PDB file of N, CA and C in Angstrom:
ATOM      1  N   MET A   1     195.865  50.193 103.133  1.00  0.00           N
ATOM      2  CA  MET A   1     196.371  49.302 104.270  1.00  0.00           C
ATOM      3  C   MET A   1     195.554  48.662 104.238  1.00  0.00           C
ATOM      4  N   ALA A   2     196.297  47.105 104.622  1.00  0.00           N
ATOM      5  CA  ALA A   2     194.761  46.191 104.692  1.00  0.00           C
ATOM      6  C   ALA A   2     194.603  46.118 105.716  1.00  0.00           C
ATOM      7  N   ALA A   3     192.871  45.079 105.352  1.00  0.00           N
ATOM      8  CA  ALA A   3     192.025  45.053 106.381  1.00  0.00           C
ATOM      9  C   ALA A   3     192.394  44.252 107.203  1.00  0.00           C
ATOM     10  N   ARG A   4     192.176  44.099 108.286  1.00  0.00           N
ATOM     11  CA  ARG A   4     192.609  43.557 109.782  1.00  0.00           C
ATOM     12  C   ARG A   4     191.199  42.097 109.615  1.00  0.00           C
ATOM     13  N   ARG A   5     191.999  40.619 109.706  1.00  0.00           N
ATOM     14  CA  ARG A   5     191.456  39.767 109.564  1.00  0.00           C
ATOM     15  C   ARG A   5     191.185  39.426 111.234  1.00  0.00           C
ATOM     16  N   THR A   6     190.056  39.124 111.470  1.00  0.00           N
ATOM     17  CA  THR A   6     189.151  38.221 112.228  1.00  0.00           C
ATOM     18  C   THR A   6     188.380  37.314 112.869  1.00  0.00           C
ATOM     19  N   TRP A   7     188.689  37.220 113.840  1.00  0.00           N
ATOM     20  CA  TRP A   7     187.941  34.989 114.140  1.00  0.00           C
ATOM     21  C   TRP A   7     186.211  35.606 114.342  1.00  0.00           C
ATOM     22  N   SER A   8     185.501  34.313 113.450  1.00  0.00           N
ATOM     23  CA  SER A   8     184.241  34.954 113.001  1.00  0.00           C
ATOM     24  C   SER A   8     183.661  34.493 114.357  1.00  0.00           C
ATOM     25  N   PRO A   9     182.556  34.639 114.454  1.00  0.00           N
ATOM     26  CA  PRO A   9     181.749  34.032 115.354  1.00  0.00           C
ATOM     27  C   PRO A   9     181.802  32.333 114.889  1.00  0.00           C
ATOM     28  N   PHE A  10     181.634  31.725 114.022  1.00  0.00           N
ATOM     29  CA  PHE A  10     181.969  30.076 113.808  1.00  0.00           C
ATOM     30  C   PHE A  10     182.982  29.569 114.206  1.00  0.00           C
ATOM     31  N   ALA A  11     184.201  29.964 113.417  1.00  0.00           N
ATOM     32  CA  ALA A  11     185.455  29.794 114.279  1.00  0.00           C
ATOM     33  C   ALA A  11     186.344  29.958 115.640  1.00  0.00           C
ATOM     34  N   ILE A  12     185.445  30.478 116.372  1.00  0.00           N
ATOM     35  CA  ILE A  12     185.485  30.709 117.823  1.00  0.00           C
ATOM     36  C   ILE A  12     185.185  29.190 118.824  1.00  0.00           C
ATOM     37  N   ARG A  13     183.641  28.901 118.191  1.00  0.00           N
ATOM     38  CA  ARG A  13     182.572  28.444 118.368  1.00  0.00           C
ATOM     39  C   ARG A  13     183.247  27.228 118.393  1.00  0.00           C
ATOM     40  N   ALA A  14     184.005  26.695 117.065  1.00  0.00           N
ATOM     41  CA  ALA A  14     184.944  25.673 116.332  1.00  0.00           C
ATOM     42  C   ALA A  14     185.800  25.274 117.399  1.00  0.00           C
ATOM     43  N   PHE A  15     186.414  26.209 117.894  1.00  0.00           N
ATOM     44  CA  PHE A  15     187.642  25.543 118.339  1.00  0.00           C
ATOM     45  C   PHE A  15     187.245  25.617 119.689  1.00  0.00           C
ATOM     46  N   LEU A  16     186.031  26.321 121.107  1.00  0.00           N
ATOM     47  CA  LEU A  16     186.123  25.872 121.635  1.00  0.00           C
ATOM     48  C   LEU A  16     185.415  24.830 122.001  1.00  0.00           C
ATOM     49  N   ILE A  17     184.510  24.122 120.951  1.00  0.00           N
ATOM     50  CA  ILE A  17     183.992  22.759 120.656  1.00  0.00           C
ATOM     51  C   ILE A  17     185.318  21.732 120.798  1.00  0.00           C
ATOM     52  N   VAL A  18     186.518  21.681 119.935  1.00  0.00           N
ATOM     53  CA  VAL A  18     187.178  21.321 120.193  1.00  0.00           C
ATOM     54  C   VAL A  18     188.448  21.155 121.307  1.00  0.00           C
ATOM     55  N   PHE A  19     188.762  22.123 122.231  1.00  0.00           N
ATOM     56  CA  PHE A  19     188.931  21.819 123.326  1.00  0.00           C
ATOM     57  C   PHE A  19     188.484  21.263 124.422  1.00  0.00           C
ATOM     58  N   CYS A  20     186.904  21.768 124.157  1.00  0.00           N
ATOM     59  CA  CYS A  20     186.761  21.291 125.272  1.00  0.00           C
ATOM     60  C   CYS A  20     186.413  19.411 125.257  1.00  0.00           C
ATOM     61  N   LEU A  21     185.975  19.019 124.179  1.00  0.00           N
ATOM     62  CA  LEU A  21     186.115  17.645 124.036  1.00  0.00           C
ATOM     63  C   LEU A  21     188.068  16.347 124.416  1.00  0.00           C
ATOM     64  N   LEU A  22     188.919  17.535 123.882  1.00  0.00           N
ATOM     65  CA  LEU A  22     190.301  17.285 124.295  1.00  0.00           C
ATOM     66  C   LEU A  22     190.480  17.178 125.334  1.00  0.00           C
ATOM     67  N   SER A  23     190.001  18.644 125.814  1.00  0.00           N
ATOM     68  CA  SER A  23     190.414  18.731 127.399  1.00  0.00           C
ATOM     69  C   SER A  23     189.599  17.931 128.487  1.00  0.00           C
ATOM     70  N   SER A  24     188.190  17.003 127.853  1.00  0.00           N
ATOM     71  CA  SER A  24     187.694  16.182 128.732  1.00  0.00           C
ATOM     72  C   SER A  24     188.300  14.669 127.840  1.00  0.00           C
ATOM     73  N   ALA A  25     188.444  14.310 126.527  1.00  0.00           N
ATOM     74  CA  ALA A  25     188.534  12.820 126.339  1.00  0.00           C
ATOM     75  C   ALA A  25     189.974  12.709 127.018  1.00  0.00           C
ATOM     76  N   CYS A  26     190.966  12.589 127.167  1.00  0.00           N
ATOM     77  CA  CYS A  26     192.410  12.797 127.138  1.00  0.00           C
ATOM     78  C   CYS A  26     192.885  11.850 128.666  1.00  0.00           C
ATOM     79  N   ALA A  27     191.574  12.223 130.050  1.00  0.00           N
ATOM     80  CA  ALA A  27     192.308  11.553 130.935  1.00  0.00           C
ATOM     81  C   ALA A  27     190.553  11.157 131.693  1.00  0.00           C
ATOM     82  N   ARG A  28     191.192   9.940 132.314  1.00  0.00           N
ATOM     83  CA  ARG A  28     189.999   8.732 133.238  1.00  0.00           C
ATOM     84  C   ARG A  28     190.604   8.776 134.157  1.00  0.00           C
ATOM     85  N   TYR A  29     189.324   8.343 135.042  1.00  0.00           N
ATOM     86  CA  TYR A  29     189.724   7.243 136.723  1.00  0.00           C
ATOM     87  C   TYR A  29     189.916   6.190 136.805  1.00  0.00           C
ATOM     88  N   VAL A  30     191.312   5.503 137.180  1.00  0.00           N
ATOM     89  CA  VAL A  30     191.447   4.403 136.939  1.00  0.00           C
ATOM     90  C   VAL A  30     191.012   4.048 138.189  1.00  0.00           C
ATOM     91  N   PRO A  31     190.569   2.604 139.087  1.00  0.00           N
ATOM     92  CA  PRO A  31     190.841   2.591 139.980  1.00  0.00           C
ATOM     93  C   PRO A  31     192.137   1.436 140.602  1.00  0.00           C
ATOM     94  N   SER A  32     192.555   2.194 142.006  1.00  0.00           N
ATOM     95  CA  SER A  32     193.930   1.671 142.637  1.00  0.00           C
ATOM     96  C   SER A  32     193.820   0.999 143.712  1.00  0.00           C
ATOM     97  N   GLY A  33     195.250   0.864 143.960  1.00  0.00           N
ATOM     98  CA  GLY A  33     195.004  -0.060 145.121  1.00  0.00           C
ATOM     99  C   GLY A  33     195.463  -1.755 144.486  1.00  0.00           C
ATOM    100  N   ARG A  34     195.251  -2.253 146.188  1.00  0.00           N
ATOM    101  CA  ARG A  34     195.887  -3.902 145.965  1.00  0.00           C
ATOM    102  C   ARG A  34     194.676  -3.619 147.318  1.00  0.00           C
ATOM    103  N   PRO A  35     194.382  -5.201 147.932  1.00  0.00           N
ATOM    104  CA  PRO A  35     194.073  -5.539 149.124  1.00  0.00           C
ATOM    105  C   PRO A  35     194.762  -5.204 149.770  1.00  0.00           C
ATOM    106  N   GLY A  36     194.002  -4.460 150.855  1.00  0.00           N
ATOM    107  CA  GLY A  36     194.459  -4.112 152.368  1.00  0.00           C
ATOM    108  C   GLY A  36     195.461  -3.261 151.820  1.00  0.00           C
ATOM    109  N   ASN A  37     195.611  -2.618 151.571  1.00  0.00           N
ATOM    110  CA  ASN A  37     196.574  -1.635 151.028  1.00  0.00           C
ATOM    111  C   ASN A  37     195.667  -0.595 149.895  1.00  0.00           C
ATOM    112  N   LEU A  38     195.035   0.099 149.854  1.00  0.00           N
ATOM    113  CA  LEU A  38     194.578   1.019 148.651  1.00  0.00           C
ATOM    114  C   LEU A  38     194.774   1.581 148.360  1.00  0.00           C
ATOM    115  N   THR A  39     195.260   2.263 149.155  1.00  0.00           N
ATOM    116  CA  THR A  39     196.509   3.632 148.952  1.00  0.00           C
ATOM    117  C   THR A  39     197.655   3.376 148.277  1.00  0.00           C
ATOM    118  N   ALA A  40     198.299   2.915 148.686  1.00  0.00           N
ATOM    119  CA  ALA A  40     199.873   2.101 147.774  1.00  0.00           C
ATOM    120  C   ALA A  40     200.178   3.112 146.926  1.00  0.00           C
ATOM    121  N   ASP A  41     199.253   2.948 145.473  1.00  0.00           N
ATOM    122  CA  ASP A  41     199.659   3.812 144.291  1.00  0.00           C
ATOM    123  C   ASP A  41     199.877   5.037 144.232  1.00  0.00           C
ATOM    124  N   VAL A  42     199.100   6.081 145.193  1.00  0.00           N
ATOM    125  CA  VAL A  42     199.074   6.729 144.963  1.00  0.00           C
ATOM    126  C   VAL A  42     200.047   7.970 145.893  1.00  0.00           C
ATOM    127  N   ARG A  43     200.336   8.828 144.357  1.00  0.00           N
ATOM    128  CA  ARG A  43     201.904   9.497 144.586  1.00  0.00           C
ATOM    129  C   ARG A  43     201.671  10.885 145.218  1.00  0.00           C
ATOM    130  N   VAL A  44     202.497  12.127 145.798  1.00  0.00           N
ATOM    131  CA  VAL A  44     202.209  13.092 145.579  1.00  0.00           C
ATOM    132  C   VAL A  44     202.273  13.796 143.978  1.00  0.00           C
ATOM    133  N   GLY A  45     200.889  14.672 144.070  1.00  0.00           N
ATOM    134  CA  GLY A  45     200.815  15.327 142.557  1.00  0.00           C
ATOM    135  C   GLY A  45     199.261  14.719 141.945  1.00  0.00           C
ATOM    136  N   ASP A  46     199.660  13.020 142.490  1.00  0.00           N
ATOM    137  CA  ASP A  46     198.823  12.679 141.879  1.00  0.00           C
ATOM    138  C   ASP A  46     197.095  13.326 141.887  1.00  0.00           C
ATOM    139  N   GLU A  47     195.725  13.063 140.752  1.00  0.00           N
ATOM    140  CA  GLU A  47     194.547  14.203 141.348  1.00  0.00           C
ATOM    141  C   GLU A  47     193.933  12.432 141.378  1.00  0.00           C
ATOM    142  N   VAL A  48     193.280  12.677 142.382  1.00  0.00           N
ATOM    143  CA  VAL A  48     192.496  11.072 142.987  1.00  0.00           C
ATOM    144  C   VAL A  48     190.714  11.465 143.141  1.00  0.00           C
ATOM    145  N   ARG A  49     190.367  10.519 143.303  1.00  0.00           N
ATOM    146  CA  ARG A  49     189.103  10.627 144.236  1.00  0.00           C
ATOM    147  C   ARG A  49     188.694   9.153 145.015  1.00  0.00           C
ATOM    148  N   VAL A  50     188.549   9.846 146.171  1.00  0.00           N
ATOM    149  CA  VAL A  50     188.466   8.700 147.155  1.00  0.00           C
ATOM    150  C   VAL A  50     186.937   9.031 147.599  1.00  0.00           C
ATOM    151  N   TYR A  51     186.900   7.975 148.156  1.00  0.00           N
ATOM    152  CA  TYR A  51     185.635   7.830 148.874  1.00  0.00           C
ATOM    153  C   TYR A  51     186.042   6.568 149.962  1.00  0.00           C
ATOM    154  N   GLN A  52     185.418   7.348 150.846  1.00  0.00           N
ATOM    155  CA  GLN A  52     185.379   6.624 152.572  1.00  0.00           C
ATOM    156  C   GLN A  52     183.797   5.956 152.625  1.00  0.00           C
ATOM    157  N   ARG A  53     184.519   5.277 154.087  1.00  0.00           N
ATOM    158  CA  ARG A  53     183.031   4.406 154.550  1.00  0.00           C
ATOM    159  C   ARG A  53     181.891   5.070 154.561  1.00  0.00           C
ATOM    160  N   ASN A  54     181.990   6.202 155.186  1.00  0.00           N
ATOM    161  CA  ASN A  54     180.899   6.825 155.199  1.00  0.00           C
ATOM    162  C   ASN A  54     179.825   7.213 154.147  1.00  0.00           C
ATOM    163  N   GLY A  55     180.653   6.585 153.049  1.00  0.00           N
ATOM    164  CA  GLY A  55     179.554   7.431 151.577  1.00  0.00           C
ATOM    165  C   GLY A  55     180.543   9.440 151.733  1.00  0.00           C
ATOM    166  N   THR A  56     181.071   9.925 151.775  1.00  0.00           N
ATOM    167  CA  THR A  56     181.424  10.468 151.677  1.00  0.00           C
ATOM    168  C   THR A  56     182.929  10.226 150.338  1.00  0.00           C
ATOM    169  N   GLU A  57     182.437  10.988 149.382  1.00  0.00           N
ATOM    170  CA  GLU A  57     183.272  11.103 148.216  1.00  0.00           C
ATOM    171  C   GLU A  57     184.214  12.746 148.367  1.00  0.00           C
ATOM    172  N   PHE A  58     185.427  12.629 147.701  1.00  0.00           N
ATOM    173  CA  PHE A  58     186.187  13.716 147.250  1.00  0.00           C
ATOM    174  C   PHE A  58     187.182  13.860 146.197  1.00  0.00           C
ATOM    175  N   GLY A  59     187.178  14.488 145.808  1.00  0.00           N
ATOM    176  CA  GLY A  59     188.383  14.516 144.922  1.00  0.00           C
ATOM    177  C   GLY A  59     189.368  15.461 144.818  1.00  0.00           C
ATOM    178  N   PHE A  60     190.716  15.463 144.955  1.00  0.00           N
ATOM    179  CA  PHE A  60     191.745  16.752 144.904  1.00  0.00           C
ATOM    180  C   PHE A  60     192.930  15.943 144.500  1.00  0.00           C
ATOM    181  N   GLU A  61     193.808  17.376 144.295  1.00  0.00           N
ATOM    182  CA  GLU A  61     195.254  16.543 144.131  1.00  0.00           C
ATOM    183  C   GLU A  61     195.934  16.379 145.382  1.00  0.00           C
ATOM    184  N   VAL A  62     196.904  14.957 145.737  1.00  0.00           N
ATOM    185  CA  VAL A  62     197.458  14.756 146.615  1.00  0.00           C
ATOM    186  C   VAL A  62     198.438  15.833 146.405  1.00  0.00           C
ATOM    187  N   LEU A  63     198.453  16.354 148.205  1.00  0.00           N
ATOM    188  CA  LEU A  63     199.878  17.831 148.369  1.00  0.00           C
ATOM    189  C   LEU A  63     201.058  16.840 149.149  1.00  0.00           C
ATOM    190  N   ARG A  64     200.028  15.786 149.763  1.00  0.00           N
ATOM    191  CA  ARG A  64     201.421  15.206 150.748  1.00  0.00           C
ATOM    192  C   ARG A  64     201.084  14.236 151.306  1.00  0.00           C
ATOM    193  N   ALA A  65     201.106  13.035 150.889  1.00  0.00           N
ATOM    194  CA  ALA A  65     201.098  11.293 151.619  1.00  0.00           C
ATOM    195  C   ALA A  65     201.455  10.536 152.916  1.00  0.00           C
ATOM    196  N   ASP A  66     201.231  10.326 153.647  1.00  0.00           N
ATOM    197  CA  ASP A  66     202.023   9.148 154.516  1.00  0.00           C
ATOM    198  C   ASP A  66     201.605   8.393 155.370  1.00  0.00           C
ATOM    199  N   ARG A  67     202.180   8.397 156.122  1.00  0.00           N
ATOM    200  CA  ARG A  67     200.985   6.127 156.349  1.00  0.00           C
ATOM    201  C   ARG A  67     199.858   6.032 157.162  1.00  0.00           C
ATOM    202  N   GLU A  68     198.826   7.691 157.918  1.00  0.00           N
ATOM    203  CA  GLU A  68     198.085   7.632 157.784  1.00  0.00           C
ATOM    204  C   GLU A  68     196.691   8.337 157.360  1.00  0.00           C
ATOM    205  N   ASN A  69     197.714   9.237 156.469  1.00  0.00           N
ATOM    206  CA  ASN A  69     196.803  10.386 155.705  1.00  0.00           C
ATOM    207  C   ASN A  69     197.208  10.605 154.128  1.00  0.00           C
ATOM    208  N   LEU A  70     196.423  10.963 153.613  1.00  0.00           N
ATOM    209  CA  LEU A  70     196.124  11.614 152.444  1.00  0.00           C
ATOM    210  C   LEU A  70     195.731  13.121 152.995  1.00  0.00           C
ATOM    211  N   TYR A  71     196.831  14.094 151.932  1.00  0.00           N
ATOM    212  CA  TYR A  71     196.440  15.520 152.553  1.00  0.00           C
ATOM    213  C   TYR A  71     196.038  16.496 150.802  1.00  0.00           C
ATOM    214  N   GLY A  72     195.419  16.774 151.165  1.00  0.00           N
ATOM    215  CA  GLY A  72     194.722  18.221 150.022  1.00  0.00           C
ATOM    216  C   GLY A  72     194.655  19.557 150.528  1.00  0.00           C
ATOM    217  N   VAL A  73     194.385  20.222 149.494  1.00  0.00           N
ATOM    218  CA  VAL A  73     194.354  21.686 149.803  1.00  0.00           C
ATOM    219  C   VAL A  73     192.934  21.765 151.242  1.00  0.00           C
ATOM    220  N   ASN A  74     193.367  22.002 152.618  1.00  0.00           N
ATOM    221  CA  ASN A  74     192.193  21.893 153.757  1.00  0.00           C
ATOM    222  C   ASN A  74     191.098  20.741 153.843  1.00  0.00           C
ATOM    223  N   LEU A  75     191.864  19.759 153.311  1.00  0.00           N
ATOM    224  CA  LEU A  75     190.988  18.510 153.823  1.00  0.00           C
ATOM    225  C   LEU A  75     192.955  17.090 154.138  1.00  0.00           C
ATOM    226  N   THR A  76     192.367  16.207 155.013  1.00  0.00           N
ATOM    227  CA  THR A  76     193.097  15.399 155.597  1.00  0.00           C
ATOM    228  C   THR A  76     192.055  14.662 155.367  1.00  0.00           C
ATOM    229  N   VAL A  77     192.756  13.317 154.733  1.00  0.00           N
ATOM    230  CA  VAL A  77     191.703  11.813 154.669  1.00  0.00           C
ATOM    231  C   VAL A  77     192.348  10.946 155.572  1.00  0.00           C
ATOM    232  N   PRO A  78     192.415  10.185 155.809  1.00  0.00           N
ATOM    233  CA  PRO A  78     192.652   9.265 157.146  1.00  0.00           C
ATOM    234  C   PRO A  78     192.371   7.779 155.519  1.00  0.00           C
ATOM    235  N   ARG A  79     193.483   6.979 155.804  1.00  0.00           N
ATOM    236  CA  ARG A  79     193.567   6.214 155.240  1.00  0.00           C
ATOM    237  C   ARG A  79     193.276   4.769 155.582  1.00  0.00           C
ATOM    238  N   ALA A  80     192.725   5.084 156.889  1.00  0.00           N
ATOM    239  CA  ALA A  80     191.973   3.967 157.255  1.00  0.00           C
ATOM    240  C   ALA A  80     190.387   4.364 156.819  1.00  0.00           C
ATOM    241  N   ASP A  81     190.078   5.187 156.532  1.00  0.00           N
ATOM    242  CA  ASP A  81     188.970   5.330 156.395  1.00  0.00           C
ATOM    243  C   ASP A  81     188.580   4.976 155.015  1.00  0.00           C
ATOM    244  N   VAL A  82     189.391   4.983 153.808  1.00  0.00           N
ATOM    245  CA  VAL A  82     189.440   4.796 152.720  1.00  0.00           C
ATOM    246  C   VAL A  82     188.633   3.960 152.403  1.00  0.00           C
ATOM    247  N   ILE A  83     187.672   3.220 151.593  1.00  0.00           N
ATOM    248  CA  ILE A  83     187.669   1.550 150.796  1.00  0.00           C
ATOM    249  C   ILE A  83     187.718   1.952 149.297  1.00  0.00           C
ATOM    250  N   THR A  84     187.674   2.694 148.550  1.00  0.00           N
ATOM    251  CA  THR A  84     188.221   3.063 147.108  1.00  0.00           C
ATOM    252  C   THR A  84     189.172   4.409 146.764  1.00  0.00           C
ATOM    253  N   VAL A  85     189.934   4.254 145.722  1.00  0.00           N
ATOM    254  CA  VAL A  85     190.993   5.209 145.187  1.00  0.00           C
ATOM    255  C   VAL A  85     190.342   4.705 143.752  1.00  0.00           C
ATOM    256  N   GLU A  86     190.750   6.041 143.110  1.00  0.00           N
ATOM    257  CA  GLU A  86     190.943   5.999 141.815  1.00  0.00           C
ATOM    258  C   GLU A  86     191.840   7.533 141.539  1.00  0.00           C
ATOM    259  N   ILE A  87     192.914   7.215 140.932  1.00  0.00           N
ATOM    260  CA  ILE A  87     193.996   7.885 140.330  1.00  0.00           C
ATOM    261  C   ILE A  87     193.274   8.859 138.730  1.00  0.00           C
ATOM    262  N   LYS A  88     193.419   9.510 138.619  1.00  0.00           N
ATOM    263  CA  LYS A  88     193.435  10.135 136.936  1.00  0.00           C
ATOM    264  C   LYS A  88     194.721   9.772 136.362  1.00  0.00           C
ATOM    265  N   GLU A  89     194.390   9.103 135.594  1.00  0.00           N
ATOM    266  CA  GLU A  89     195.753   8.954 134.220  1.00  0.00           C
ATOM    267  C   GLU A  89     194.850   9.525 133.384  1.00  0.00           C
ATOM    268  N   ILE A  90     196.186   9.746 131.817  1.00  0.00           N
ATOM    269  CA  ILE A  90     196.074  10.399 130.578  1.00  0.00           C
ATOM    270  C   ILE A  90     196.205   9.106 130.049  1.00  0.00           C
ATOM    271  N   SER A  91     194.661   9.038 129.176  1.00  0.00           N
ATOM    272  CA  SER A  91     194.517   8.240 127.661  1.00  0.00           C
ATOM    273  C   SER A  91     195.588   8.115 126.425  1.00  0.00           C
ATOM    274  N   VAL A  92     196.244   7.995 126.393  1.00  0.00           N
ATOM    275  CA  VAL A  92     196.993   8.429 124.833  1.00  0.00           C
ATOM    276  C   VAL A  92     196.007   7.878 123.635  1.00  0.00           C
ATOM    277  N   TRP A  93     195.148   6.760 124.231  1.00  0.00           N
ATOM    278  CA  TRP A  93     194.396   6.568 122.890  1.00  0.00           C
ATOM    279  C   TRP A  93     193.085   8.174 122.768  1.00  0.00           C
ATOM    280  N   ARG A  94     192.434   7.916 123.864  1.00  0.00           N
ATOM    281  CA  ARG A  94     191.597   8.726 123.772  1.00  0.00           C
ATOM    282  C   ARG A  94     192.128  10.043 123.395  1.00  0.00           C
ATOM    283  N   THR A  95     193.307  10.439 124.030  1.00  0.00           N
ATOM    284  CA  THR A  95     193.957  11.968 123.178  1.00  0.00           C
ATOM    285  C   THR A  95     193.551  11.830 121.983  1.00  0.00           C
ATOM    286  N   VAL A  96     194.366  10.267 121.059  1.00  0.00           N
ATOM    287  CA  VAL A  96     194.819  10.285 119.682  1.00  0.00           C
ATOM    288  C   VAL A  96     193.509  10.666 119.392  1.00  0.00           C
ATOM    289  N   ALA A  97     192.398   9.269 120.013  1.00  0.00           N
ATOM    290  CA  ALA A  97     190.773   9.844 118.465  1.00  0.00           C
ATOM    291  C   ALA A  97     190.315  11.239 119.169  1.00  0.00           C
ATOM    292  N   ALA A  98     190.355  11.639 120.051  1.00  0.00           N
ATOM    293  CA  ALA A  98     190.064  12.938 120.253  1.00  0.00           C
ATOM    294  C   ALA A  98     190.705  14.004 119.370  1.00  0.00           C
ATOM    295  N   SER A  99     191.928  14.402 119.382  1.00  0.00           N
ATOM    296  CA  SER A  99     192.773  15.008 117.890  1.00  0.00           C
ATOM    297  C   SER A  99     191.803  14.844 116.929  1.00  0.00           C
ATOM    298  N   ILE A 100     191.999  13.534 116.623  1.00  0.00           N
ATOM    299  CA  ILE A 100     191.630  13.074 114.937  1.00  0.00           C
ATOM    300  C   ILE A 100     190.300  13.298 114.846  1.00  0.00           C
ATOM    301  N   GLY A 101     189.134  13.032 115.675  1.00  0.00           N
ATOM    302  CA  GLY A 101     187.870  13.655 115.353  1.00  0.00           C
ATOM    303  C   GLY A 101     188.056  15.008 115.623  1.00  0.00           C
ATOM    304  N   GLY A 102     188.617  15.955 116.315  1.00  0.00           N
ATOM    305  CA  GLY A 102     188.735  16.459 116.567  1.00  0.00           C
ATOM    306  C   GLY A 102     189.021  17.667 114.339  1.00  0.00           C
ATOM    307  N   ALA A 103     190.238  17.578 114.739  1.00  0.00           N
ATOM    308  CA  ALA A 103     190.207  17.653 113.268  1.00  0.00           C
ATOM    309  C   ALA A 103     189.758  17.728 112.311  1.00  0.00           C
ATOM    310  N   VAL A 104     189.090  16.629 111.909  1.00  0.00           N
ATOM    311  CA  VAL A 104     187.747  16.442 111.034  1.00  0.00           C
ATOM    312  C   VAL A 104     186.556  16.869 111.332  1.00  0.00           C
ATOM    313  N   ALA A 105     186.341  17.461 112.583  1.00  0.00           N
ATOM    314  CA  ALA A 105     185.447  18.600 112.352  1.00  0.00           C
ATOM    315  C   ALA A 105     185.244  20.264 112.472  1.00  0.00           C
ATOM    316  N   VAL A 106     186.573  20.248 112.207  1.00  0.00           N
ATOM    317  CA  VAL A 106     186.754  21.358 112.247  1.00  0.00           C
ATOM    318  C   VAL A 106     187.111  21.274 110.675  1.00  0.00           C
ATOM    319  N   SER A 107     187.554  20.726 110.031  1.00  0.00           N
ATOM    320  CA  SER A 107     188.003  20.890 108.828  1.00  0.00           C
ATOM    321  C   SER A 107     186.655  20.720 107.904  1.00  0.00           C
ATOM    322  N   VAL A 108     185.737  19.282 108.501  1.00  0.00           N
ATOM    323  CA  VAL A 108     184.151  19.787 107.279  1.00  0.00           C
ATOM    324  C   VAL A 108     183.716  20.561 108.259  1.00  0.00           C
ATOM    325  N   GLY A 109     183.698  21.670 109.322  1.00  0.00           N
ATOM    326  CA  GLY A 109     182.597  22.854 109.514  1.00  0.00           C
ATOM    327  C   GLY A 109     183.318  24.171 108.748  1.00  0.00           C
ATOM    328  N   LEU A 110     184.479  23.821 108.599  1.00  0.00           N
ATOM    329  CA  LEU A 110     185.169  24.599 107.788  1.00  0.00           C
ATOM    330  C   LEU A 110     184.842  24.461 106.475  1.00  0.00           C
ATOM    331  N   LEU A 111     184.721  23.646 105.827  1.00  0.00           N
ATOM    332  CA  LEU A 111     184.723  23.557 104.282  1.00  0.00           C
ATOM    333  C   LEU A 111     183.457  23.407 104.335  1.00  0.00           C
ATOM    334  N   THR A 112     182.342  23.494 105.215  1.00  0.00           N
ATOM    335  CA  THR A 112     181.092  23.662 104.919  1.00  0.00           C
ATOM    336  C   THR A 112     180.401  25.341 104.779  1.00  0.00           C
ATOM    337  N   VAL A 113     181.743  26.085 105.675  1.00  0.00           N
ATOM    338  CA  VAL A 113     181.134  27.577 105.924  1.00  0.00           C
ATOM    339  C   VAL A 113     181.797  27.575 104.292  1.00  0.00           C
ATOM    340  N   ILE A 114     182.886  27.641 103.769  1.00  0.00           N
ATOM    341  CA  ILE A 114     183.535  28.073 102.762  1.00  0.00           C
ATOM    342  C   ILE A 114     182.469  27.410 101.169  1.00  0.00           C
ATOM    343  N   LEU A 115     181.894  26.470 101.673  1.00  0.00           N
ATOM    344  CA  LEU A 115     180.832  26.027 100.184  1.00  0.00           C
ATOM    345  C   LEU A 115     180.034  26.751 100.715  1.00  0.00           C
ATOM    346  N   LEU A 116     179.391  27.272 101.600  1.00  0.00           N
ATOM    347  CA  LEU A 116     178.397  28.026 101.602  1.00  0.00           C
ATOM    348  C   LEU A 116     177.894  29.256 101.244  1.00  0.00           C
ATOM    349  N   VAL A 117     179.331  30.097 101.829  1.00  0.00           N
ATOM    350  CA  VAL A 117     179.893  31.216 101.207  1.00  0.00           C
ATOM    351  C   VAL A 117     180.162  31.519  99.684  1.00  0.00           C
ATOM    352  N   SER A 118     180.325  30.402  99.051  1.00  0.00           N
ATOM    353  CA  SER A 118     180.742  30.597  97.794  1.00  0.00           C
ATOM    354  C   SER A 118     179.538  30.264  96.797  1.00  0.00           C
ATOM    355  N   LEU A 119     178.516  29.278  97.483  1.00  0.00           N
ATOM    356  CA  LEU A 119     177.283  29.314  96.764  1.00  0.00           C
ATOM    357  C   LEU A 119     176.392  30.627  96.878  1.00  0.00           C
ATOM    358  N   SER A 120     176.709  31.366  98.112  1.00  0.00           N
ATOM    359  CA  SER A 120     176.125  32.324  98.129  1.00  0.00           C
ATOM    360  C   SER A 120     177.056  33.458  97.587  1.00  0.00           C
ATOM    361  N   ASN A 121     177.593  33.704  96.765  1.00  0.00           N
ATOM    362  CA  ASN A 121     178.185  34.570  96.135  1.00  0.00           C
ATOM    363  C   ASN A 121     178.477  34.226  94.656  1.00  0.00           C
ATOM    364  N   LEU A 122     177.502  32.769  94.197  1.00  0.00           N
ATOM    365  CA  LEU A 122     177.425  32.972  92.500  1.00  0.00           C
ATOM    366  C   LEU A 122     175.237  33.111  92.886  1.00  0.00           C
ATOM    367  N   THR A 123     174.800  33.745  93.103  1.00  0.00           N
ATOM    368  CA  THR A 123     173.588  33.884  93.155  1.00  0.00           C
ATOM    369  C   THR A 123     173.102  35.376  93.499  1.00  0.00           C
TER     370      THR A 123
END
């Protein structure tokens, strides 16, 4: 019977690092709105950061929006109190760059491990 192969601790760490890089690099918050109507571009399902006049900041997914308020889970933000809105957007270029960078990092790491193992077997 063949031996069962398992993931090495190095491979698991490399995978987790690449995953973290990809998940954080793919999105960014972009200022939204027009003078006089800062929440005009906000749609249901958008992930937003809202800054209010009193200095309060909220980050949430918009579940519902009407003329007066934006609604999240257990949260109602009056549009009249909003001074800045940022909408989370996926950045294609950051995603591509992170994917390429991650692939290069994993490749270099794996090649290093293979080289070290090969050198240790020679001695």
